[in-house]
Amino acid sequence: MARVKLAMIAAMTMANGIGKDAGLPWKLKGEMAYFRKVTTHVPSVLGDEGGESSTAAGKRRNAVIMGRKTWASIPPKFRPLKDRLNIVISRTSSEAELGIDAASSDVKLCKSLESAYELLRQGTDSDLIARVFVIGGAQLYTDLINHTSDQDGVEVDRLLVTRILGPQYECDAFFPEFRSQEQLQEDLETTHEHANSTIDNTSAIHPLSSTEWTRASTESIKEYLGSSCPADLADKHRMIVQEDATWYEYQMWQRK
């Protein structure tokens, strides 16, 4: 059985807020460009660390897995997300109800994550899948964050996080907490130092009692991103960005 490796990618506040009223509470063109580049970038060869080599990528492309609500939140003119295989998970909705062309090779509807995994394992000579990203929403993230390593031939081994340092946006959808107390404290210190922002109610954040994910070094992030790494951050020690009044940091976490 071919192994399926998943990376979850999301922009989130210090309290792991990822959405508000079925959309994003922020408008960050730079962060959206980063998301597009990362999820479309196909490394020449996928090594053990996800880096690149000089071998041609050929016809490979990446896949993005999303829930019904995430698909619906994308403006119709941008659906399916270009240059990626879009996999939409819905147990009850039909292609017609979701506005999906059943004959399209760019978007597929699956009734479950298990069906999506089988689709990815099958592949075709004309549609070889490189990296697979889970892009939302909150329920899919929750279902997968505690997925046992290599369970059923599926491994969730990487989180690509855009941490919104400040200001603190109001959210009603959240990514599950994955940081330990020490890791949370590091994020809080970064927020205070760079964005001069504080969290009104840190008691609402419930860090894990043990370390389950480790934060990758900046060098490791850049290696994974390859040519999709923002050019203006290539020589930076920390991948911290100010876009208008919002500060954020690109992070990568790997399962311990």
C-alpha atoms as a PDB file:
ATOM      1  CA  MET A   1       0.000   0.000   0.000  1.00  0.00           C
ATOM      2  CA  ALA A   2       1.437   3.362  -1.052  1.00  0.00           C
ATOM      3  CA  ARG A   3       1.937   5.762   1.831  1.00  0.00           C
ATOM      4  CA  VAL A   4       0.094   9.090   1.764  1.00  0.00           C
ATOM      5  CA  LYS A   5       1.862  11.979   3.493  1.00  0.00           C
ATOM      6  CA  LEU A   6      -0.199  15.010   4.450  1.00  0.00           C
ATOM      7  CA  ALA A   7       0.782  18.529   5.433  1.00  0.00           C
ATOM      8  CA  MET A   8      -1.776  20.842   7.009  1.00  0.00           C
ATOM      9  CA  ILE A   9      -1.506  24.512   6.087  1.00  0.00           C
ATOM     10  CA  ALA A  10      -3.335  27.424   7.722  1.00  0.00           C
ATOM     11  CA  ALA A  11      -3.026  31.035   8.793  1.00  0.00           C
ATOM     12  CA  MET A  12      -4.044  31.456  12.419  1.00  0.00           C
ATOM     13  CA  THR A  13      -4.083  33.923  15.281  1.00  0.00           C
ATOM     14  CA  MET A  14      -2.204  33.427  18.522  1.00  0.00           C
ATOM     15  CA  ALA A  15      -5.308  31.640  19.843  1.00  0.00           C
ATOM     16  CA  ASN A  16      -5.399  29.476  16.667  1.00  0.00           C
ATOM     17  CA  GLY A  17      -8.332  31.362  15.157  1.00  0.00           C
ATOM     18  CA  ILE A  18      -8.627  30.571  11.447  1.00  0.00           C
ATOM     19  CA  GLY A  19     -11.970  31.979  10.352  1.00  0.00           C
ATOM     20  CA  LYS A  20     -14.914  34.247  10.983  1.00  0.00           C
ATOM     21  CA  ASP A  21     -18.407  34.011   9.485  1.00  0.00           C
ATOM     22  CA  ALA A  22     -17.322  31.310   6.997  1.00  0.00           C
ATOM     23  CA  GLY A  23     -14.461  33.422   5.677  1.00  0.00           C
ATOM     24  CA  LEU A  24     -11.100  34.877   6.607  1.00  0.00           C
ATOM     25  CA  PRO A  25     -11.096  37.746   9.133  1.00  0.00           C
ATOM     26  CA  TRP A  26      -8.074  39.332   7.416  1.00  0.00           C
ATOM     27  CA  LYS A  27      -7.138  40.369   3.885  1.00  0.00           C
ATOM     28  CA  LEU A  28      -3.432  39.679   3.407  1.00  0.00           C
ATOM     29  CA  LYS A  29      -2.384  39.585  -0.241  1.00  0.00           C
ATOM     30  CA  GLY A  30       1.160  38.577   0.619  1.00  0.00           C
ATOM     31  CA  GLU A  31       0.010  35.659   2.732  1.00  0.00           C
ATOM     32  CA  MET A  32      -2.396  34.502   0.026  1.00  0.00           C
ATOM     33  CA  ALA A  33       0.425  34.633  -2.519  1.00  0.00           C
ATOM     34  CA  TYR A  34       2.535  32.526  -0.149  1.00  0.00           C
ATOM     35  CA  PHE A  35      -0.267  29.972   0.166  1.00  0.00           C
ATOM     36  CA  ARG A  36      -0.586  29.745  -3.607  1.00  0.00           C
ATOM     37  CA  LYS A  37       3.154  29.357  -4.177  1.00  0.00           C
ATOM     38  CA  VAL A  38       3.615  26.764  -1.446  1.00  0.00           C
ATOM     39  CA  THR A  39       0.659  24.617  -2.490  1.00  0.00           C
ATOM     40  CA  THR A  40       1.557  24.718  -6.195  1.00  0.00           C
ATOM     41  CA  HIS A  41       5.335  24.300  -5.838  1.00  0.00           C
ATOM     42  CA  VAL A  42       6.406  20.828  -6.932  1.00  0.00           C
ATOM     43  CA  PRO A  43       9.936  19.920  -5.861  1.00  0.00           C
ATOM     44  CA  SER A  44      11.959  18.034  -8.436  1.00  0.00           C
ATOM     45  CA  VAL A  45      12.227  14.981  -6.185  1.00  0.00           C
ATOM     46  CA  LEU A  46      10.598  14.429  -2.812  1.00  0.00           C
ATOM     47  CA  GLY A  47      13.369  13.368  -0.461  1.00  0.00           C
ATOM     48  CA  ASP A  48      13.062  12.279   3.132  1.00  0.00           C
ATOM     49  CA  GLU A  49      12.963  15.910   4.285  1.00  0.00           C
ATOM     50  CA  GLY A  50      10.790  17.141   1.416  1.00  0.00           C
ATOM     51  CA  GLY A  51      13.679  18.978  -0.228  1.00  0.00           C
ATOM     52  CA  GLU A  52      14.603  19.260  -3.864  1.00  0.00           C
ATOM     53  CA  SER A  53      17.073  17.691  -6.246  1.00  0.00           C
ATOM     54  CA  SER A  54      18.001  18.344  -9.852  1.00  0.00           C
ATOM     55  CA  THR A  55      15.726  15.669 -11.363  1.00  0.00           C
ATOM     56  CA  ALA A  56      12.902  17.058 -13.512  1.00  0.00           C
ATOM     57  CA  ALA A  57       9.485  17.258 -11.866  1.00  0.00           C
ATOM     58  CA  GLY A  58       7.722  16.073 -15.018  1.00  0.00           C
ATOM     59  CA  LYS A  59       3.920  16.174 -14.935  1.00  0.00           C
ATOM     60  CA  ARG A  60       3.580  16.061 -11.182  1.00  0.00           C
ATOM     61  CA  ARG A  61       1.292  18.442  -9.340  1.00  0.00           C
ATOM     62  CA  ASN A  62       0.148  18.862  -5.772  1.00  0.00           C
ATOM     63  CA  ALA A  63      -3.242  18.111  -4.280  1.00  0.00           C
ATOM     64  CA  VAL A  64      -5.279  20.156  -1.815  1.00  0.00           C
ATOM     65  CA  ILE A  65      -7.889  18.521   0.406  1.00  0.00           C
ATOM     66  CA  MET A  66     -10.701  20.620   1.821  1.00  0.00           C
ATOM     67  CA  GLY A  67     -14.110  20.315   3.399  1.00  0.00           C
ATOM     68  CA  ARG A  68     -17.370  21.431   1.838  1.00  0.00           C
ATOM     69  CA  LYS A  69     -17.464  24.762   3.670  1.00  0.00           C
ATOM     70  CA  THR A  70     -13.914  25.639   2.649  1.00  0.00           C
ATOM     71  CA  TRP A  71     -14.763  24.880  -0.984  1.00  0.00           C
ATOM     72  CA  ALA A  72     -17.888  27.043  -0.721  1.00  0.00           C
ATOM     73  CA  SER A  73     -15.867  29.918   0.783  1.00  0.00           C
ATOM     74  CA  ILE A  74     -13.706  30.164  -2.352  1.00  0.00           C
ATOM     75  CA  PRO A  75     -15.178  32.624  -4.886  1.00  0.00           C
ATOM     76  CA  PRO A  76     -16.592  30.605  -7.825  1.00  0.00           C
ATOM     77  CA  LYS A  77     -14.270  32.318 -10.316  1.00  0.00           C
ATOM     78  CA  PHE A  78     -11.275  30.917  -8.414  1.00  0.00           C
ATOM     79  CA  ARG A  79     -12.655  27.365  -8.119  1.00  0.00           C
ATOM     80  CA  PRO A  80     -11.071  24.909  -8.469  1.00  0.00           C
ATOM     81  CA  LEU A  81      -7.763  26.284  -7.198  1.00  0.00           C
ATOM     82  CA  LYS A  82      -5.526  26.469 -10.245  1.00  0.00           C
ATOM     83  CA  ASP A  83      -2.656  24.045 -10.927  1.00  0.00           C
ATOM     84  CA  ARG A  84      -3.653  21.733  -8.074  1.00  0.00           C
ATOM     85  CA  LEU A  85      -5.850  18.673  -7.809  1.00  0.00           C
ATOM     86  CA  ASN A  86      -8.733  19.845  -5.622  1.00  0.00           C
ATOM     87  CA  ILE A  87     -10.304  17.147  -3.444  1.00  0.00           C
ATOM     88  CA  VAL A  88     -13.508  18.145  -1.658  1.00  0.00           C
ATOM     89  CA  ILE A  89     -14.768  16.050   1.252  1.00  0.00           C
ATOM     90  CA  SER A  90     -18.526  15.895   1.787  1.00  0.00           C
ATOM     91  CA  ARG A  91     -20.559  12.944   3.016  1.00  0.00           C
ATOM     92  CA  THR A  92     -23.915  14.314   1.875  1.00  0.00           C
ATOM     93  CA  SER A  93     -23.503  16.857  -0.939  1.00  0.00           C
ATOM     94  CA  SER A  94     -23.436  16.022  -4.646  1.00  0.00           C
ATOM     95  CA  GLU A  95     -21.234  17.516  -7.356  1.00  0.00           C
ATOM     96  CA  ALA A  96     -24.196  19.487  -8.674  1.00  0.00           C
ATOM     97  CA  GLU A  97     -24.981  20.938  -5.250  1.00  0.00           C
ATOM     98  CA  LEU A  98     -21.363  22.071  -4.834  1.00  0.00           C
ATOM     99  CA  GLY A  99     -20.944  23.384  -8.367  1.00  0.00           C
ATOM    100  CA  ILE A 100     -18.372  20.717  -9.230  1.00  0.00           C
ATOM    101  CA  ASP A 101     -17.956  19.475 -12.787  1.00  0.00           C
ATOM    102  CA  ALA A 102     -18.035  15.695 -12.392  1.00  0.00           C
ATOM    103  CA  ALA A 103     -16.002  15.304 -15.600  1.00  0.00           C
ATOM    104  CA  SER A 104     -13.230  17.650 -14.480  1.00  0.00           C
ATOM    105  CA  SER A 105      -9.730  16.294 -13.892  1.00  0.00           C
ATOM    106  CA  ASP A 106      -8.986  19.238 -11.581  1.00  0.00           C
ATOM    107  CA  VAL A 107     -11.549  18.653  -8.834  1.00  0.00           C
ATOM    108  CA  LYS A 108     -12.918  15.478  -7.283  1.00  0.00           C
ATOM    109  CA  LEU A 109     -15.628  14.953  -4.685  1.00  0.00           C
ATOM    110  CA  CYS A 110     -14.982  12.262  -2.077  1.00  0.00           C
ATOM    111  CA  LYS A 111     -17.413  11.057   0.563  1.00  0.00           C
ATOM    112  CA  SER A 112     -14.684  10.552   3.159  1.00  0.00           C
ATOM    113  CA  LEU A 113     -11.004  11.054   3.866  1.00  0.00           C
ATOM    114  CA  GLU A 114     -10.504   7.344   3.271  1.00  0.00           C
ATOM    115  CA  SER A 115     -11.899   7.738  -0.255  1.00  0.00           C
ATOM    116  CA  ALA A 116      -9.562  10.676  -0.808  1.00  0.00           C
ATOM    117  CA  TYR A 117      -6.570   8.597   0.282  1.00  0.00           C
ATOM    118  CA  GLU A 118      -7.531   5.847  -2.154  1.00  0.00           C
ATOM    119  CA  LEU A 119      -7.841   8.383  -4.963  1.00  0.00           C
ATOM    120  CA  LEU A 120      -4.379   9.728  -4.168  1.00  0.00           C
ATOM    121  CA  ARG A 121      -2.884   6.243  -4.058  1.00  0.00           C
ATOM    122  CA  GLN A 122      -4.267   5.346  -7.465  1.00  0.00           C
ATOM    123  CA  GLY A 123      -2.911   8.296  -9.428  1.00  0.00           C
ATOM    124  CA  THR A 124      -2.351   8.118 -13.184  1.00  0.00           C
ATOM    125  CA  ASP A 125       0.566   8.605 -15.533  1.00  0.00           C
ATOM    126  CA  SER A 126      -0.868  11.997 -16.484  1.00  0.00           C
ATOM    127  CA  ASP A 127      -1.631  13.094 -12.928  1.00  0.00           C
ATOM    128  CA  LEU A 128       1.130  12.076 -10.528  1.00  0.00           C
ATOM    129  CA  ILE A 129       0.675  13.699  -7.137  1.00  0.00           C
ATOM    130  CA  ALA A 130       3.665  15.221  -5.364  1.00  0.00           C
ATOM    131  CA  ARG A 131       2.684  16.928  -2.112  1.00  0.00           C
ATOM    132  CA  VAL A 132      -0.722  16.824  -0.449  1.00  0.00           C
ATOM    133  CA  PHE A 133      -1.998  19.753   1.616  1.00  0.00           C
ATOM    134  CA  VAL A 134      -5.045  19.883   3.876  1.00  0.00           C
ATOM    135  CA  ILE A 135      -6.364  23.456   3.647  1.00  0.00           C
ATOM    136  CA  GLY A 136      -9.416  23.416   5.918  1.00  0.00           C
ATOM    137  CA  GLY A 137     -11.743  23.659   7.546  1.00  0.00           C
ATOM    138  CA  ALA A 138     -11.649  23.309  11.288  1.00  0.00           C
ATOM    139  CA  GLN A 139     -13.275  19.865  11.373  1.00  0.00           C
ATOM    140  CA  LEU A 140     -10.744  18.336   8.973  1.00  0.00           C
ATOM    141  CA  TYR A 141      -7.885  19.849  10.950  1.00  0.00           C
ATOM    142  CA  THR A 142      -9.339  18.416  14.161  1.00  0.00           C
ATOM    143  CA  ASP A 143      -9.829  14.992  12.593  1.00  0.00           C
ATOM    144  CA  LEU A 144      -6.214  14.872  11.433  1.00  0.00           C
ATOM    145  CA  ILE A 145      -4.148  16.608  14.127  1.00  0.00           C
ATOM    146  CA  ASN A 146      -4.089  13.485  16.302  1.00  0.00           C
ATOM    147  CA  HIS A 147      -3.863  11.009  13.443  1.00  0.00           C
ATOM    148  CA  THR A 148      -1.444   8.308  14.538  1.00  0.00           C
ATOM    149  CA  SER A 149       1.774   8.398  12.539  1.00  0.00           C
ATOM    150  CA  ASP A 150       1.518   6.155   9.492  1.00  0.00           C
ATOM    151  CA  GLN A 151      -1.906   4.905  10.579  1.00  0.00           C
ATOM    152  CA  ASP A 152      -3.583   3.081   7.667  1.00  0.00           C
ATOM    153  CA  GLY A 153      -0.720   4.083   5.405  1.00  0.00           C
ATOM    154  CA  VAL A 154      -1.392   7.778   6.070  1.00  0.00           C
ATOM    155  CA  GLU A 155       1.042  10.094   7.813  1.00  0.00           C
ATOM    156  CA  VAL A 156       0.275  13.647   8.950  1.00  0.00           C
ATOM    157  CA  ASP A 157       3.796  14.861   9.527  1.00  0.00           C
ATOM    158  CA  ARG A 158       3.935  18.593   8.899  1.00  0.00           C
ATOM    159  CA  LEU A 159       2.116  21.818   9.812  1.00  0.00           C
ATOM    160  CA  LEU A 160       2.700  24.946   7.763  1.00  0.00           C
ATOM    161  CA  VAL A 161       1.501  27.782   9.955  1.00  0.00           C
ATOM    162  CA  THR A 162       1.246  31.469   9.209  1.00  0.00           C
ATOM    163  CA  ARG A 163       1.104  32.822  12.748  1.00  0.00           C
ATOM    164  CA  ILE A 164      -0.748  36.148  12.933  1.00  0.00           C
ATOM    165  CA  LEU A 165       1.263  38.055  15.528  1.00  0.00           C
ATOM    166  CA  GLY A 166      -0.896  41.140  15.651  1.00  0.00           C
ATOM    167  CA  PRO A 167      -3.400  42.620  15.764  1.00  0.00           C
ATOM    168  CA  GLN A 168      -5.567  39.906  17.295  1.00  0.00           C
ATOM    169  CA  TYR A 169      -8.537  39.190  15.032  1.00  0.00           C
ATOM    170  CA  GLU A 170     -11.893  37.935  16.285  1.00  0.00           C
ATOM    171  CA  CYS A 171     -12.599  34.396  15.082  1.00  0.00           C
ATOM    172  CA  ASP A 172     -15.306  31.767  15.420  1.00  0.00           C
ATOM    173  CA  ALA A 173     -13.419  28.832  13.861  1.00  0.00           C
ATOM    174  CA  PHE A 174     -10.228  27.430  15.339  1.00  0.00           C
ATOM    175  CA  PHE A 175      -7.339  25.119  14.568  1.00  0.00           C
ATOM    176  CA  PRO A 176      -6.819  22.562  17.364  1.00  0.00           C
ATOM    177  CA  GLU A 177      -4.077  23.461  19.837  1.00  0.00           C
ATOM    178  CA  PHE A 178      -0.810  21.639  19.182  1.00  0.00           C
ATOM    179  CA  ARG A 179       1.731  23.682  21.184  1.00  0.00           C
ATOM    180  CA  SER A 180       3.159  22.961  24.599  1.00  0.00           C
ATOM    181  CA  GLN A 181       3.256  25.685  27.264  1.00  0.00           C
ATOM    182  CA  GLU A 182       6.890  26.452  26.422  1.00  0.00           C
ATOM    183  CA  GLN A 183       6.145  26.695  22.696  1.00  0.00           C
ATOM    184  CA  LEU A 184       3.145  28.936  23.343  1.00  0.00           C
ATOM    185  CA  GLN A 185       5.291  31.220  25.490  1.00  0.00           C
ATOM    186  CA  GLU A 186       7.786  31.573  22.645  1.00  0.00           C
ATOM    187  CA  ASP A 187       4.984  32.633  20.300  1.00  0.00           C
ATOM    188  CA  LEU A 188       3.690  35.139  22.857  1.00  0.00           C
ATOM    189  CA  GLU A 189       7.150  36.669  23.248  1.00  0.00           C
ATOM    190  CA  THR A 190       7.489  36.995  19.465  1.00  0.00           C
ATOM    191  CA  THR A 191       4.092  38.687  19.306  1.00  0.00           C
ATOM    192  CA  HIS A 192       5.056  41.213  21.958  1.00  0.00           C
ATOM    193  CA  GLU A 193       8.485  41.897  20.466  1.00  0.00           C
ATOM    194  CA  HIS A 194       7.540  42.369  16.816  1.00  0.00           C
ATOM    195  CA  ALA A 195       3.866  43.316  16.757  1.00  0.00           C
ATOM    196  CA  ASN A 196       3.706  45.035  20.150  1.00  0.00           C
ATOM    197  CA  SER A 197       0.546  43.034  20.666  1.00  0.00           C
ATOM    198  CA  THR A 198      -0.806  41.217  23.696  1.00  0.00           C
ATOM    199  CA  ILE A 199      -3.444  38.520  24.082  1.00  0.00           C
ATOM    200  CA  ASP A 200      -6.438  39.724  26.064  1.00  0.00           C
ATOM    201  CA  ASN A 201      -7.336  36.320  27.468  1.00  0.00           C
ATOM    202  CA  THR A 202      -4.548  33.754  27.447  1.00  0.00           C
ATOM    203  CA  SER A 203      -6.648  31.547  29.741  1.00  0.00           C
ATOM    204  CA  ALA A 204      -8.703  30.676  26.654  1.00  0.00           C
ATOM    205  CA  ILE A 205      -5.613  29.000  25.154  1.00  0.00           C
ATOM    206  CA  HIS A 206      -5.038  25.475  26.408  1.00  0.00           C
ATOM    207  CA  PRO A 207      -1.522  24.252  25.559  1.00  0.00           C
ATOM    208  CA  LEU A 208      -0.695  20.563  25.571  1.00  0.00           C
ATOM    209  CA  SER A 209       0.885  19.013  28.634  1.00  0.00           C
ATOM    210  CA  SER A 210       3.607  17.410  26.521  1.00  0.00           C
ATOM    211  CA  THR A 211       5.525  18.256  23.360  1.00  0.00           C
ATOM    212  CA  GLU A 212       3.976  16.497  20.364  1.00  0.00           C
ATOM    213  CA  TRP A 213       5.195  18.810  17.591  1.00  0.00           C
ATOM    214  CA  THR A 214       8.567  20.480  17.208  1.00  0.00           C
ATOM    215  CA  ARG A 215       9.108  23.757  15.439  1.00  0.00           C
ATOM    216  CA  ALA A 216      11.470  23.488  12.480  1.00  0.00           C
ATOM    217  CA  SER A 217      14.399  25.830  12.008  1.00  0.00           C
ATOM    218  CA  THR A 218      14.211  28.653   9.492  1.00  0.00           C
ATOM    219  CA  GLU A 219      16.744  26.778   7.367  1.00  0.00           C
ATOM    220  CA  SER A 220      14.496  23.702   7.309  1.00  0.00           C
ATOM    221  CA  ILE A 221      11.497  25.799   6.268  1.00  0.00           C
ATOM    222  CA  LYS A 222      13.457  27.341   3.415  1.00  0.00           C
ATOM    223  CA  GLU A 223      14.668  23.918   2.299  1.00  0.00           C
ATOM    224  CA  TYR A 224      11.097  22.615   2.227  1.00  0.00           C
ATOM    225  CA  LEU A 225       9.763  25.681   0.426  1.00  0.00           C
ATOM    226  CA  GLY A 226      12.492  25.659  -2.198  1.00  0.00           C
ATOM    227  CA  SER A 227      11.759  28.181  -4.934  1.00  0.00           C
ATOM    228  CA  SER A 228       8.401  29.009  -3.325  1.00  0.00           C
ATOM    229  CA  CYS A 229      10.190  30.764  -0.445  1.00  0.00           C
ATOM    230  CA  PRO A 230       9.422  34.520  -0.578  1.00  0.00           C
ATOM    231  CA  ALA A 231      12.465  36.212  -2.111  1.00  0.00           C
ATOM    232  CA  ASP A 232      12.525  39.018   0.455  1.00  0.00           C
ATOM    233  CA  LEU A 233      12.820  36.449   3.272  1.00  0.00           C
ATOM    234  CA  ALA A 234      15.539  34.296   1.734  1.00  0.00           C
ATOM    235  CA  ASP A 235      18.289  35.908   3.822  1.00  0.00           C
ATOM    236  CA  LYS A 236      16.252  36.550   6.978  1.00  0.00           C
ATOM    237  CA  HIS A 237      16.893  34.741  10.262  1.00  0.00           C
ATOM    238  CA  ARG A 238      13.165  34.772  11.095  1.00  0.00           C
ATOM    239  CA  MET A 239      10.408  34.674   8.503  1.00  0.00           C
ATOM    240  CA  ILE A 240       8.472  37.606   9.948  1.00  0.00           C
ATOM    241  CA  VAL A 241       6.453  39.893   7.685  1.00  0.00           C
ATOM    242  CA  GLN A 242       4.633  43.186   8.157  1.00  0.00           C
ATOM    243  CA  GLU A 243       1.770  43.693   5.721  1.00  0.00           C
ATOM    244  CA  ASP A 244      -0.012  46.989   6.308  1.00  0.00           C
ATOM    245  CA  ALA A 245      -0.931  46.923  10.024  1.00  0.00           C
ATOM    246  CA  THR A 246      -0.642  43.143  10.399  1.00  0.00           C
ATOM    247  CA  TRP A 247       2.453  41.232  11.483  1.00  0.00           C
ATOM    248  CA  TYR A 248       2.792  37.514  10.838  1.00  0.00           C
ATOM    249  CA  GLU A 249       5.413  34.775  10.819  1.00  0.00           C
ATOM    250  CA  TYR A 250       5.784  31.754   8.566  1.00  0.00           C
ATOM    251  CA  GLN A 251       6.412  28.633  10.639  1.00  0.00           C
ATOM    252  CA  MET A 252       6.778  24.926  10.012  1.00  0.00           C
ATOM    253  CA  TRP A 253       6.137  22.240  12.611  1.00  0.00           C
ATOM    254  CA  GLN A 254       6.943  18.547  12.409  1.00  0.00           C
ATOM    255  CA  ARG A 255       5.522  15.700  14.430  1.00  0.00           C
ATOM    256  CA  LYS A 256       7.909  14.672  17.171  1.00  0.00           C
END
